[in-house]
Amino acid sequence: MIGGLMLSGCASVPAVHRAQASADQANSAAQAASAAAQHAQSSADAAGSAAQSAGSSAQAAGAAAQHAQTTADSAASSAQQAAAAAQSSNQRLDTLEAKVARMQAHHRRHHRRHHHRRASAPTTATPAPGAPGS
């Protein structure tokens, strides 16, 4: 480039050197700006990936929370059913215990009367001589 400017005769050698130095500085600044832009683009891409990952994590956490709530609801329902079944079993047991108590009381009353009759009933008597059946 220097040779082209020199041949045309419009600039002196020191002016050409200054122009070349300015062009080199501008080129270096452009390269630095390009590197900074690439770094900024990489940072933006990383931030976008992190945001997507955070969004996915948030969705996964929401799904896990919903599953936990469903499981808790199911457990509560099972507990209510178990409590109802236990109450029903207790009622049946109470009914059976009352029935057994009535049967035992009946048995005791019947047993007392039966043994009382035997004790007070005359023993086998022998028929008198000359009575029928002798």
C-alpha atoms as a PDB file:
ATOM      1  CA  MET A   1       0.000   0.000   0.000  1.00  0.00           C
ATOM      2  CA  ILE A   2       2.791   2.345   0.722  1.00  0.00           C
ATOM      3  CA  GLY A   3       4.167   1.899  -2.763  1.00  0.00           C
ATOM      4  CA  GLY A   4       0.824   2.784  -4.338  1.00  0.00           C
ATOM      5  CA  LEU A   5       0.518   6.029  -2.449  1.00  0.00           C
ATOM      6  CA  MET A   6       4.107   6.937  -3.118  1.00  0.00           C
ATOM      7  CA  LEU A   7       3.742   6.433  -6.812  1.00  0.00           C
ATOM      8  CA  SER A   8       0.796   8.733  -7.083  1.00  0.00           C
ATOM      9  CA  GLY A   9       2.783  11.456  -5.409  1.00  0.00           C
ATOM     10  CA  CYS A  10      -0.020  12.759  -3.215  1.00  0.00           C
ATOM     11  CA  ALA A  11       1.467  11.916   0.209  1.00  0.00           C
ATOM     12  CA  SER A  12       4.828  12.085   1.855  1.00  0.00           C
ATOM     13  CA  VAL A  13       6.504   9.027   3.335  1.00  0.00           C
ATOM     14  CA  PRO A  14       5.879  10.070   6.959  1.00  0.00           C
ATOM     15  CA  ALA A  15       2.182  10.704   6.182  1.00  0.00           C
ATOM     16  CA  VAL A  16       1.929   7.279   4.591  1.00  0.00           C
ATOM     17  CA  HIS A  17       3.554   5.710   7.635  1.00  0.00           C
ATOM     18  CA  ARG A  18       1.106   7.548   9.929  1.00  0.00           C
ATOM     19  CA  ALA A  19      -1.815   6.412   7.773  1.00  0.00           C
ATOM     20  CA  GLN A  20      -0.511   2.842   7.831  1.00  0.00           C
ATOM     21  CA  ALA A  21      -0.097   2.978  11.645  1.00  0.00           C
ATOM     22  CA  SER A  22      -3.623   4.368  12.009  1.00  0.00           C
ATOM     23  CA  ALA A  23      -4.966   1.633   9.736  1.00  0.00           C
ATOM     24  CA  ASP A  24      -3.102  -1.000  11.770  1.00  0.00           C
ATOM     25  CA  GLN A  25      -4.534   0.437  15.004  1.00  0.00           C
ATOM     26  CA  ALA A  26      -8.032   0.488  13.518  1.00  0.00           C
ATOM     27  CA  ASN A  27      -7.593  -3.122  12.353  1.00  0.00           C
ATOM     28  CA  SER A  28      -6.384  -4.153  15.843  1.00  0.00           C
ATOM     29  CA  ALA A  29      -9.334  -2.350  17.431  1.00  0.00           C
ATOM     30  CA  ALA A  30     -11.730  -4.069  15.004  1.00  0.00           C
ATOM     31  CA  GLN A  31     -10.239  -7.458  15.830  1.00  0.00           C
ATOM     32  CA  ALA A  32     -10.561  -6.746  19.579  1.00  0.00           C
ATOM     33  CA  ALA A  33     -14.147  -5.622  19.045  1.00  0.00           C
ATOM     34  CA  SER A  34     -14.855  -8.790  17.067  1.00  0.00           C
ATOM     35  CA  ALA A  35     -13.367 -10.938  19.857  1.00  0.00           C
ATOM     36  CA  ALA A  36     -15.454  -9.056  22.439  1.00  0.00           C
ATOM     37  CA  ALA A  37     -18.571  -9.568  20.312  1.00  0.00           C
ATOM     38  CA  GLN A  38     -17.833 -13.297  20.032  1.00  0.00           C
ATOM     39  CA  HIS A  39     -17.328 -13.466  23.799  1.00  0.00           C
ATOM     40  CA  ALA A  40     -20.612 -11.609  24.352  1.00  0.00           C
ATOM     41  CA  GLN A  41     -22.389 -13.996  21.957  1.00  0.00           C
ATOM     42  CA  SER A  42     -20.945 -16.994  23.840  1.00  0.00           C
ATOM     43  CA  SER A  43     -22.091 -15.477  27.137  1.00  0.00           C
ATOM     44  CA  ALA A  44     -25.563 -14.869  25.693  1.00  0.00           C
ATOM     45  CA  ASP A  45     -25.731 -18.452  24.415  1.00  0.00           C
ATOM     46  CA  ALA A  46     -24.671 -19.768  27.830  1.00  0.00           C
ATOM     47  CA  ALA A  47     -27.291 -17.591  29.527  1.00  0.00           C
ATOM     48  CA  GLY A  48     -29.943 -18.876  27.099  1.00  0.00           C
ATOM     49  CA  SER A  49     -28.958 -22.467  27.822  1.00  0.00           C
ATOM     50  CA  ALA A  50     -29.043 -21.797  31.551  1.00  0.00           C
ATOM     51  CA  ALA A  51     -32.498 -20.241  31.211  1.00  0.00           C
ATOM     52  CA  GLN A  52     -33.750 -23.260  29.258  1.00  0.00           C
ATOM     53  CA  SER A  53     -32.259 -25.582  31.848  1.00  0.00           C
ATOM     54  CA  ALA A  54     -33.855 -23.585  34.651  1.00  0.00           C
ATOM     55  CA  GLY A  55     -37.188 -23.713  32.829  1.00  0.00           C
ATOM     56  CA  SER A  56     -36.894 -27.460  32.422  1.00  0.00           C
ATOM     57  CA  SER A  57     -35.963 -27.812  36.080  1.00  0.00           C
ATOM     58  CA  ALA A  58     -38.938 -25.690  37.084  1.00  0.00           C
ATOM     59  CA  GLN A  59     -41.250 -27.840  34.969  1.00  0.00           C
ATOM     60  CA  ALA A  60     -39.781 -30.998  36.481  1.00  0.00           C
ATOM     61  CA  ALA A  61     -40.188 -29.554  39.983  1.00  0.00           C
ATOM     62  CA  GLY A  62     -43.809 -28.656  39.184  1.00  0.00           C
ATOM     63  CA  ALA A  63     -44.497 -32.163  37.907  1.00  0.00           C
ATOM     64  CA  ALA A  64     -42.875 -33.651  41.012  1.00  0.00           C
ATOM     65  CA  ALA A  65     -44.970 -31.412  43.257  1.00  0.00           C
ATOM     66  CA  GLN A  66     -48.131 -32.392  41.405  1.00  0.00           C
ATOM     67  CA  HIS A  67     -47.230 -36.089  41.742  1.00  0.00           C
ATOM     68  CA  ALA A  68     -46.559 -35.605  45.457  1.00  0.00           C
ATOM     69  CA  GLN A  69     -49.957 -33.918  45.884  1.00  0.00           C
ATOM     70  CA  THR A  70     -51.687 -36.751  44.021  1.00  0.00           C
ATOM     71  CA  THR A  71     -49.906 -39.309  46.204  1.00  0.00           C
ATOM     72  CA  ALA A  72     -50.866 -37.409  49.359  1.00  0.00           C
ATOM     73  CA  ASP A  73     -54.503 -37.219  48.224  1.00  0.00           C
ATOM     74  CA  SER A  74     -54.496 -40.955  47.519  1.00  0.00           C
ATOM     75  CA  ALA A  75     -52.970 -41.693  50.928  1.00  0.00           C
ATOM     76  CA  ALA A  76     -55.577 -39.531  52.650  1.00  0.00           C
ATOM     77  CA  SER A  77     -58.353 -41.332  50.786  1.00  0.00           C
ATOM     78  CA  SER A  78     -56.901 -44.719  51.746  1.00  0.00           C
ATOM     79  CA  ALA A  79     -56.653 -43.617  55.367  1.00  0.00           C
ATOM     80  CA  GLN A  80     -60.308 -42.534  55.341  1.00  0.00           C
ATOM     81  CA  GLN A  81     -61.349 -45.878  53.834  1.00  0.00           C
ATOM     82  CA  ALA A  82     -59.301 -47.746  56.443  1.00  0.00           C
ATOM     83  CA  ALA A  83     -60.893 -45.704  59.234  1.00  0.00           C
ATOM     84  CA  ALA A  84     -64.376 -46.445  57.866  1.00  0.00           C
ATOM     85  CA  ALA A  85     -63.549 -50.157  57.607  1.00  0.00           C
ATOM     86  CA  ALA A  86     -62.195 -50.163  61.170  1.00  0.00           C
ATOM     87  CA  GLN A  87     -65.340 -48.444  62.434  1.00  0.00           C
ATOM     88  CA  SER A  88     -67.517 -50.992  60.623  1.00  0.00           C
ATOM     89  CA  SER A  89     -65.467 -53.848  62.086  1.00  0.00           C
ATOM     90  CA  ASN A  90     -65.775 -52.364  65.571  1.00  0.00           C
ATOM     91  CA  GLN A  91     -69.559 -52.117  65.179  1.00  0.00           C
ATOM     92  CA  ARG A  92     -69.777 -55.758  64.060  1.00  0.00           C
ATOM     93  CA  LEU A  93     -67.552 -56.807  66.952  1.00  0.00           C
ATOM     94  CA  ASP A  94     -69.741 -54.873  69.408  1.00  0.00           C
ATOM     95  CA  THR A  95     -72.825 -56.581  67.961  1.00  0.00           C
ATOM     96  CA  LEU A  96     -71.218 -60.024  68.255  1.00  0.00           C
ATOM     97  CA  GLU A  97     -70.069 -59.348  71.821  1.00  0.00           C
ATOM     98  CA  ALA A  98     -73.601 -58.307  72.783  1.00  0.00           C
ATOM     99  CA  LYS A  99     -75.005 -61.449  71.149  1.00  0.00           C
ATOM    100  CA  VAL A 100     -72.498 -63.665  72.995  1.00  0.00           C
ATOM    101  CA  ALA A 101     -73.347 -61.946  76.279  1.00  0.00           C
ATOM    102  CA  ARG A 102     -77.081 -62.575  75.679  1.00  0.00           C
ATOM    103  CA  MET A 103     -76.407 -66.217  74.812  1.00  0.00           C
ATOM    104  CA  GLN A 104     -74.243 -66.685  77.929  1.00  0.00           C
ATOM    105  CA  ALA A 105     -76.926 -65.106  80.116  1.00  0.00           C
ATOM    106  CA  HIS A 106     -79.563 -67.376  78.551  1.00  0.00           C
ATOM    107  CA  HIS A 107     -77.320 -70.383  79.080  1.00  0.00           C
ATOM    108  CA  ARG A 108     -76.757 -69.471  82.737  1.00  0.00           C
ATOM    109  CA  ARG A 109     -80.509 -69.065  83.336  1.00  0.00           C
ATOM    110  CA  HIS A 110     -81.297 -72.331  81.559  1.00  0.00           C
ATOM    111  CA  HIS A 111     -78.462 -74.147  83.338  1.00  0.00           C
ATOM    112  CA  ARG A 112     -79.700 -72.970  86.765  1.00  0.00           C
ATOM    113  CA  ARG A 113     -83.271 -74.088  86.089  1.00  0.00           C
ATOM    114  CA  HIS A 114     -82.175 -77.424  84.670  1.00  0.00           C
ATOM    115  CA  HIS A 115     -79.887 -78.261  87.577  1.00  0.00           C
ATOM    116  CA  HIS A 116     -82.409 -76.976  90.086  1.00  0.00           C
ATOM    117  CA  ARG A 117     -85.125 -79.287  88.686  1.00  0.00           C
ATOM    118  CA  ARG A 118     -82.829 -82.268  88.806  1.00  0.00           C
ATOM    119  CA  ALA A 119     -81.856 -81.608  92.374  1.00  0.00           C
ATOM    120  CA  SER A 120     -85.429 -81.192  93.557  1.00  0.00           C
ATOM    121  CA  ALA A 121     -86.936 -83.970  91.418  1.00  0.00           C
ATOM    122  CA  PRO A 122     -87.557 -87.237  93.266  1.00  0.00           C
ATOM    123  CA  THR A 123     -85.199 -90.021  92.556  1.00  0.00           C
ATOM    124  CA  THR A 124     -86.458 -93.106  90.865  1.00  0.00           C
ATOM    125  CA  ALA A 125     -88.984 -94.673  93.209  1.00  0.00           C
ATOM    126  CA  THR A 126     -89.648 -98.342  93.418  1.00  0.00           C
ATOM    127  CA  PRO A 127     -93.280 -99.270  92.845  1.00  0.00           C
ATOM    128  CA  ALA A 128     -95.267-100.469  95.814  1.00  0.00           C
ATOM    129  CA  PRO A 129     -96.053-104.173  95.928  1.00  0.00           C
ATOM    130  CA  GLY A 130     -99.261-104.870  94.179  1.00  0.00           C
ATOM    131  CA  ALA A 131     -99.143-101.582  92.246  1.00  0.00           C
ATOM    132  CA  PRO A 132     -99.466-101.732  88.497  1.00  0.00           C
ATOM    133  CA  GLY A 133     -96.109-102.170  86.771  1.00  0.00           C
ATOM    134  CA  SER A 134     -94.588-104.308  89.516  1.00  0.00           C
END
